[in-house]
């Protein structure tokens, strides 16, 4: 099924550009990604701004340059692909529920992006207003320069909001999937995780996209150390860290709990089946002496023993399958996405202080 009925306005702009150049990243940059670069160049004077501020500004700018492509990628590739992939581990009777879930969250993503963005509007514009004294000290003092820097802040908060919106949709989608759809865990799936690597891959890819927000941490800390209401900056940093953690830890926990419940149910069914087969074999063995010597009793014994061995193998397969959606590749990408914010916090503490 096609799980992408509607598109976000950013995606529609990029798709329009792909009609001329079918390179999504290049199109996204040419249509929107250049805006923060130009705003920064107009607003800043390297002869007046400190090195620490210039480095922080460059990193914050780098954070949002690829953001239009990230938004397009999530809308047109990542979210639809997730629904396509999890259809393979969804019980047949739940396919209609999966279709409804996909339609619901596709609509939420497209129509309610502004809700997440409003949070960043309040935080970022407050920082811009209370930080005017600090920005003037960095040479941003003319009307044109302040206007350009306001343009950078507006662009930044817009795409920070859109990325946050994608992160929240990821959490809500996986929560709804775990609660509303019946899983069909396959203990023999090639991923060794019962097919749940689909969930882990989806979550970690969005976590990596979200973690790019760490590029703005050095500038955030620079501003926070020079304005009166630094708490506003730290609220934004805390929300970012929470979103990165939430993007991966909650989906992993939620799906694991649901899969554990399913496994316990399957193990109970297999235990009951094994007990019935063993009881039947015992009864057949007890009555064997009374049966005619036509060879059927021995055949039944052998068939029952084979069936019991097969049932025990299936029981062991379900018992041994790893239900955390974590492969080595997924864990490696998770560590990388977590290390990125840590590296920039350390950069702020030990490097920019000496610039």
Protein backbone atom coordinates (compact mmCIF):
# COMPACT_ATOMS: atom_id res chain seq x y z
CA UNK A 1 0.00 0.00 0.00
CA UNK A 2 1.10 3.60 -0.60
CA UNK A 3 1.62 5.13 2.85
CA UNK A 4 2.14 8.75 1.81
CA UNK A 5 -1.19 10.27 0.85
CA UNK A 6 -0.24 13.90 1.63
CA UNK A 7 2.95 15.93 1.81
CA UNK A 8 4.24 18.73 4.03
CA UNK A 9 4.67 22.14 2.41
CA UNK A 10 8.47 21.81 2.55
CA UNK A 11 8.25 18.50 0.70
CA UNK A 12 6.01 20.01 -1.96
CA UNK A 13 8.55 22.78 -2.58
CA UNK A 14 11.40 20.27 -2.89
CA UNK A 15 9.34 17.98 -5.13
CA UNK A 16 8.56 20.97 -7.37
CA UNK A 17 12.29 21.60 -7.73
CA UNK A 18 12.93 17.93 -8.47
CA UNK A 19 10.95 18.46 -11.65
CA UNK A 20 14.03 20.33 -12.90
CA UNK A 21 16.88 18.66 -10.99
CA UNK A 22 16.24 15.23 -9.51
CA UNK A 23 18.72 15.61 -6.64
CA UNK A 24 16.69 16.20 -3.46
CA UNK A 25 19.56 17.47 -1.31
CA UNK A 26 20.79 19.88 -3.98
CA UNK A 27 17.26 21.09 -4.71
CA UNK A 28 16.54 21.61 -1.00
CA UNK A 29 19.71 23.67 -0.65
CA UNK A 30 19.11 25.76 -3.76
CA UNK A 31 15.51 26.54 -2.79
CA UNK A 32 15.86 27.03 0.98
CA UNK A 33 19.11 25.78 2.49
CA UNK A 34 21.15 28.85 1.47
CA UNK A 35 19.01 31.26 3.51
CA UNK A 36 20.78 30.92 6.89
CA UNK A 37 24.19 31.23 5.19
CA UNK A 38 23.28 34.50 3.49
CA UNK A 39 21.65 35.87 6.66
CA UNK A 40 24.76 35.06 8.68
CA UNK A 41 27.11 36.64 6.13
CA UNK A 42 25.06 39.84 6.03
CA UNK A 43 24.66 40.05 9.82
CA UNK A 44 28.21 39.27 10.95
CA UNK A 45 31.46 41.17 10.67
CA UNK A 46 34.45 38.96 11.40
CA UNK A 47 36.51 41.98 12.46
CA UNK A 48 34.08 42.80 15.29
CA UNK A 49 32.72 39.44 16.43
CA UNK A 50 34.69 37.18 18.75
CA UNK A 51 36.16 33.92 17.45
CA UNK A 52 33.97 31.89 19.82
CA UNK A 53 30.84 33.62 18.54
CA UNK A 54 31.83 33.14 14.90
CA UNK A 55 32.55 29.44 15.43
CA UNK A 56 29.25 28.96 17.28
CA UNK A 57 27.35 30.83 14.58
CA UNK A 58 28.95 28.74 11.82
CA UNK A 59 27.98 25.50 13.58
CA UNK A 60 24.42 26.70 14.25
CA UNK A 61 24.15 27.66 10.60
CA UNK A 62 25.48 24.26 9.57
CA UNK A 63 22.75 22.65 11.64
CA UNK A 64 19.90 24.12 9.57
CA UNK A 65 21.44 24.18 6.09
CA UNK A 66 20.46 20.52 5.44
CA UNK A 67 17.20 20.85 7.40
CA UNK A 68 14.88 21.24 4.35
CA UNK A 69 16.27 18.00 2.96
CA UNK A 70 15.86 16.27 6.36
CA UNK A 71 12.22 17.33 6.49
CA UNK A 72 11.62 16.12 2.92
CA UNK A 73 13.44 12.84 3.63
CA UNK A 74 11.34 12.11 6.73
CA UNK A 75 8.09 12.98 4.97
CA UNK A 76 8.71 11.27 1.64
CA UNK A 77 11.05 8.41 2.51
CA UNK A 78 11.52 7.55 6.18
CA UNK A 79 7.94 7.57 7.49
CA UNK A 80 6.35 5.86 4.44
CA UNK A 81 9.14 3.26 4.37
CA UNK A 82 8.54 2.47 8.04
CA UNK A 83 4.88 1.69 7.39
CA UNK A 84 5.82 -0.45 4.39
CA UNK A 85 8.36 -2.41 6.45
CA UNK A 86 6.26 -2.98 9.57
CA UNK A 87 3.47 -4.39 7.43
CA UNK A 88 5.69 -7.48 7.18
CA UNK A 89 5.63 -7.97 10.98
CA UNK A 90 1.96 -7.09 11.41
CA UNK A 91 -0.60 -9.85 11.81
CA UNK A 92 -2.93 -10.16 8.82
CA UNK A 93 -6.01 -9.26 10.86
CA UNK A 94 -4.35 -5.93 11.83
CA UNK A 95 -3.54 -4.66 8.34
CA UNK A 96 -6.63 -2.46 8.26
CA UNK A 97 -5.67 -0.98 11.65
CA UNK A 98 -2.17 -0.31 10.29
CA UNK A 99 -3.65 1.50 7.29
CA UNK A 100 -5.73 3.72 9.56
CA UNK A 101 -2.73 4.43 11.77
CA UNK A 102 -0.61 5.40 8.77
CA UNK A 103 -3.29 7.74 7.45
CA UNK A 104 -3.80 9.32 10.87
CA UNK A 105 -0.14 10.14 11.51
CA UNK A 106 0.55 11.19 7.95
CA UNK A 107 -2.22 13.76 8.46
CA UNK A 108 -0.88 14.81 11.85
CA UNK A 109 2.60 15.34 10.42
CA UNK A 110 1.38 17.44 7.51
CA UNK A 111 -1.31 19.52 9.23
CA UNK A 112 -0.01 20.14 12.76
CA UNK A 113 3.67 20.94 12.22
CA UNK A 114 3.05 24.44 13.56
CA UNK A 115 2.27 23.14 17.06
CA UNK A 116 5.85 21.99 17.66
CA UNK A 117 7.20 25.09 15.94
CA UNK A 118 5.30 27.40 18.29
CA UNK A 119 7.39 26.16 21.22
CA UNK A 120 10.58 27.24 19.45
CA UNK A 121 9.00 30.53 18.38
CA UNK A 122 8.55 31.47 22.03
CA UNK A 123 11.99 30.33 23.15
CA UNK A 124 14.12 31.51 20.22
CA UNK A 125 12.50 34.92 19.72
CA UNK A 126 12.77 35.56 23.46
CA UNK A 127 16.50 34.84 23.25
CA UNK A 128 16.79 37.17 20.26
CA UNK A 129 15.07 40.02 22.11
CA UNK A 130 16.94 39.70 25.42
CA UNK A 131 20.25 39.10 23.64
CA UNK A 132 20.30 42.39 21.73
CA UNK A 133 22.99 43.84 23.97
CA UNK A 134 25.26 40.86 23.42
CA UNK A 135 24.64 40.85 19.67
CA UNK A 136 25.50 44.55 19.43
CA UNK A 137 28.74 43.72 21.19
CA UNK A 138 29.43 41.23 18.38
CA UNK A 139 29.00 43.96 15.76
CA UNK A 140 25.34 43.30 14.88
CA UNK A 141 24.16 46.87 15.34
CA UNK A 142 22.79 48.30 12.09
CA UNK A 143 19.17 47.85 11.02
CA UNK A 144 20.18 45.66 8.08
CA UNK A 145 22.40 43.46 10.25
CA UNK A 146 19.75 43.05 12.93
CA UNK A 147 17.15 42.28 10.27
CA UNK A 148 19.39 39.66 8.68
CA UNK A 149 20.12 38.08 12.07
CA UNK A 150 16.40 38.03 12.87
CA UNK A 151 15.92 36.26 9.53
CA UNK A 152 18.48 33.65 10.63
CA UNK A 153 16.69 33.17 13.95
CA UNK A 154 13.31 32.78 12.23
CA UNK A 155 14.68 30.25 9.74
CA UNK A 156 16.42 28.38 12.57
CA UNK A 157 13.35 28.17 14.79
CA UNK A 158 11.17 27.06 11.86
CA UNK A 159 13.32 24.08 10.98
CA UNK A 160 14.17 23.27 14.60
CA UNK A 161 10.40 23.05 15.08
CA UNK A 162 9.92 20.88 12.01
CA UNK A 163 12.65 18.48 13.13
CA UNK A 164 11.14 18.36 16.61
CA UNK A 165 7.75 17.67 15.04
CA UNK A 166 9.20 14.70 13.16
CA UNK A 167 10.76 13.41 16.38
CA UNK A 168 7.47 13.60 18.25
CA UNK A 169 5.56 11.95 15.39
CA UNK A 170 8.11 9.12 15.50
CA UNK A 171 7.42 8.54 19.19
CA UNK A 172 3.62 8.73 18.74
CA UNK A 173 3.64 6.42 15.71
CA UNK A 174 5.61 3.69 17.47
CA UNK A 175 3.50 4.01 20.62
CA UNK A 176 0.30 3.66 18.57
CA UNK A 177 1.78 0.77 16.59
CA UNK A 178 2.65 -1.10 19.79
CA UNK A 179 -0.79 -0.51 21.31
CA UNK A 180 -3.17 -0.78 18.35
CA UNK A 181 -1.59 -3.32 16.00
CA UNK A 182 -1.02 -7.04 16.59
CA UNK A 183 2.61 -7.99 16.02
CA UNK A 184 3.65 -11.12 14.17
CA UNK A 185 7.12 -11.76 15.57
CA UNK A 186 9.10 -14.21 13.44
CA UNK A 187 11.82 -15.93 15.54
CA UNK A 188 13.56 -17.05 12.33
CA UNK A 189 13.70 -13.56 10.80
CA UNK A 190 17.13 -12.86 9.21
CA UNK A 191 17.72 -9.84 11.48
CA UNK A 192 17.79 -12.11 14.54
CA UNK A 193 15.38 -9.75 16.28
CA UNK A 194 12.08 -11.23 15.22
CA UNK A 195 11.76 -8.55 12.53
CA UNK A 196 11.83 -5.72 15.09
CA UNK A 197 14.96 -4.15 13.61
CA UNK A 198 12.50 -2.20 11.44
CA UNK A 199 11.43 -0.24 14.51
CA UNK A 200 14.99 0.28 15.71
CA UNK A 201 16.15 1.51 12.32
CA UNK A 202 13.27 3.98 12.06
CA UNK A 203 13.88 5.31 15.56
CA UNK A 204 17.65 5.65 15.22
CA UNK A 205 17.46 7.41 11.85
CA UNK A 206 15.17 10.03 13.36
CA UNK A 207 17.42 10.21 16.42
CA UNK A 208 20.39 11.02 14.19
CA UNK A 209 18.43 13.76 12.41
CA UNK A 210 17.31 15.21 15.74
CA UNK A 211 20.82 15.04 17.22
CA UNK A 212 22.05 17.47 14.56
CA UNK A 213 20.56 20.10 16.86
CA UNK A 214 23.69 19.68 18.97
CA UNK A 215 25.50 21.82 16.40
CA UNK A 216 23.68 24.80 17.92
CA UNK A 217 24.86 24.05 21.47
CA UNK A 218 28.11 26.08 21.36
CA UNK A 219 26.26 29.21 20.20
CA UNK A 220 23.49 28.56 22.73
CA UNK A 221 25.97 28.40 25.60
CA UNK A 222 27.78 31.49 24.33
CA UNK A 223 24.53 33.47 24.32
CA UNK A 224 23.40 32.05 27.68
CA UNK A 225 26.61 33.24 29.37
CA UNK A 226 26.07 36.83 28.19
CA UNK A 227 22.34 37.51 28.66
CA UNK A 228 20.18 38.21 31.70
CA UNK A 229 17.64 35.41 31.16
CA UNK A 230 19.94 32.50 30.40
CA UNK A 231 17.30 30.10 31.75
CA UNK A 232 15.40 30.47 28.47
CA UNK A 233 18.38 29.05 26.58
CA UNK A 234 18.79 26.19 29.02
CA UNK A 235 15.09 25.29 28.69
CA UNK A 236 15.64 24.93 24.93
CA UNK A 237 18.77 22.82 25.47
CA UNK A 238 16.90 20.60 27.94
CA UNK A 239 14.03 20.10 25.47
CA UNK A 240 16.54 19.13 22.77
CA UNK A 241 18.32 16.59 24.98
CA UNK A 242 14.98 15.16 26.13
CA UNK A 243 13.80 14.78 22.54
CA UNK A 244 16.98 12.98 21.47
CA UNK A 245 16.63 10.53 24.38
CA UNK A 246 12.89 10.13 23.88
CA UNK A 247 13.30 9.44 20.17
CA UNK A 248 15.10 6.20 20.77
CA UNK A 249 14.59 5.02 24.34
CA UNK A 250 10.78 5.23 24.44
CA UNK A 251 10.13 3.38 21.12
CA UNK A 252 12.63 0.69 22.12
CA UNK A 253 10.99 0.21 25.51
CA UNK A 254 7.43 0.31 24.16
CA UNK A 255 7.94 -2.19 21.35
CA UNK A 256 9.98 -4.50 23.57
CA UNK A 257 7.20 -4.61 26.17
CA UNK A 258 4.61 -5.41 23.49
CA UNK A 259 6.82 -8.08 21.92
CA UNK A 260 7.53 -9.61 25.34
CA UNK A 261 3.79 -9.96 25.97
CA UNK A 262 3.35 -11.59 22.57
CA UNK A 263 6.24 -13.97 23.21
CA UNK A 264 4.82 -15.04 26.58
CA UNK A 265 1.51 -15.79 24.88
CA UNK A 266 3.23 -17.84 22.17
CA UNK A 267 5.33 -19.70 24.75
CA UNK A 268 2.20 -20.55 26.75
CA UNK A 269 0.56 -21.89 23.58
CA UNK A 270 3.59 -24.01 22.76
CA UNK A 271 3.86 -25.34 26.32
CA UNK A 272 0.23 -26.39 26.24
CA UNK A 273 0.72 -28.03 22.86
CA UNK A 274 3.83 -29.93 24.03
CA UNK A 275 2.02 -31.19 27.15
CA UNK A 276 -0.92 -32.43 25.07
CA UNK A 277 1.39 -34.24 22.66
CA UNK A 278 3.37 -35.82 25.51
CA UNK A 279 0.15 -36.92 27.21
CA UNK A 280 -1.11 -38.42 23.98
CA UNK A 281 2.18 -40.27 23.47
CA UNK A 282 2.04 -41.63 27.04
CA UNK A 283 -1.49 -42.89 26.55
CA UNK A 284 -0.55 -44.47 23.24
CA UNK A 285 2.43 -46.21 24.86
CA UNK A 286 0.29 -47.55 27.73
CA UNK A 287 -2.29 -49.01 25.34
CA UNK A 288 0.20 -50.30 22.81
CA UNK A 289 0.02 -53.87 24.08
CA UNK A 290 -3.71 -53.99 23.37
CA UNK A 291 -3.37 -52.73 19.82
CA UNK A 292 -3.19 -55.15 16.83
CA UNK A 293 0.29 -55.83 15.46
CA UNK A 294 -0.27 -53.94 12.19
CA UNK A 295 2.67 -51.53 12.50
CA UNK A 296 0.44 -48.49 13.00
CA UNK A 297 1.26 -48.05 16.70
CA UNK A 298 4.99 -47.74 16.01
CA UNK A 299 4.30 -45.30 13.24
CA UNK A 300 2.11 -43.19 15.51
CA UNK A 301 4.82 -43.25 18.21
CA UNK A 302 7.42 -42.00 15.75
CA UNK A 303 5.18 -39.29 14.36
CA UNK A 304 4.27 -38.04 17.83
CA UNK A 305 7.91 -37.98 18.91
CA UNK A 306 8.82 -36.00 15.79
CA UNK A 307 5.96 -33.58 16.45
CA UNK A 308 7.08 -33.13 20.07
CA UNK A 309 10.67 -32.41 18.97
CA UNK A 310 9.43 -29.89 16.41
CA UNK A 311 7.21 -28.20 19.00
CA UNK A 312 10.16 -28.00 21.41
CA UNK A 313 12.36 -26.42 18.72
CA UNK A 314 9.69 -23.81 18.02
CA UNK A 315 9.40 -23.15 21.75
CA UNK A 316 13.17 -22.63 22.00
CA UNK A 317 13.15 -20.35 18.95
CA UNK A 318 10.58 -18.06 20.57
CA UNK A 319 12.35 -18.27 23.92
CA UNK A 320 15.76 -17.29 22.51
CA UNK A 321 14.78 -14.56 20.04
CA UNK A 322 16.13 -11.10 20.97
CA UNK A 323 13.18 -8.71 21.22
CA UNK A 324 15.07 -5.47 21.72
CA UNK A 325 15.16 -3.85 18.25
CA UNK A 326 18.93 -3.36 18.54
CA UNK A 327 21.44 -4.77 16.09
CA UNK A 328 25.15 -3.92 16.19
CA UNK A 329 24.68 -1.42 13.35
CA UNK A 330 21.77 0.27 15.13
CA UNK A 331 23.72 0.48 18.41
CA UNK A 332 26.70 2.00 16.57
CA UNK A 333 24.53 4.72 15.05
CA UNK A 334 22.85 5.32 18.42
CA UNK A 335 26.20 5.84 20.13
CA UNK A 336 27.24 8.22 17.36
CA UNK A 337 24.08 10.29 17.72
CA UNK A 338 24.52 10.50 21.49
CA UNK A 339 28.22 11.36 21.25
CA UNK A 340 27.52 14.33 18.97
CA UNK A 341 25.79 16.45 21.65
CA UNK A 342 28.36 15.34 24.23
CA UNK A 343 31.24 16.39 21.98
CA UNK A 344 29.80 19.85 21.49
CA UNK A 345 29.15 20.30 25.20
CA UNK A 346 32.79 19.40 25.84
CA UNK A 347 33.80 21.73 23.02
CA UNK A 348 32.03 24.57 24.80
CA UNK A 349 33.54 23.75 28.18
CA UNK A 350 37.15 23.22 27.17
CA UNK A 351 37.72 24.95 23.84
CA UNK A 352 35.62 28.06 23.40
CA UNK A 353 36.52 29.21 26.89
CA UNK A 354 40.08 29.72 25.68
CA UNK A 355 39.20 31.51 22.42
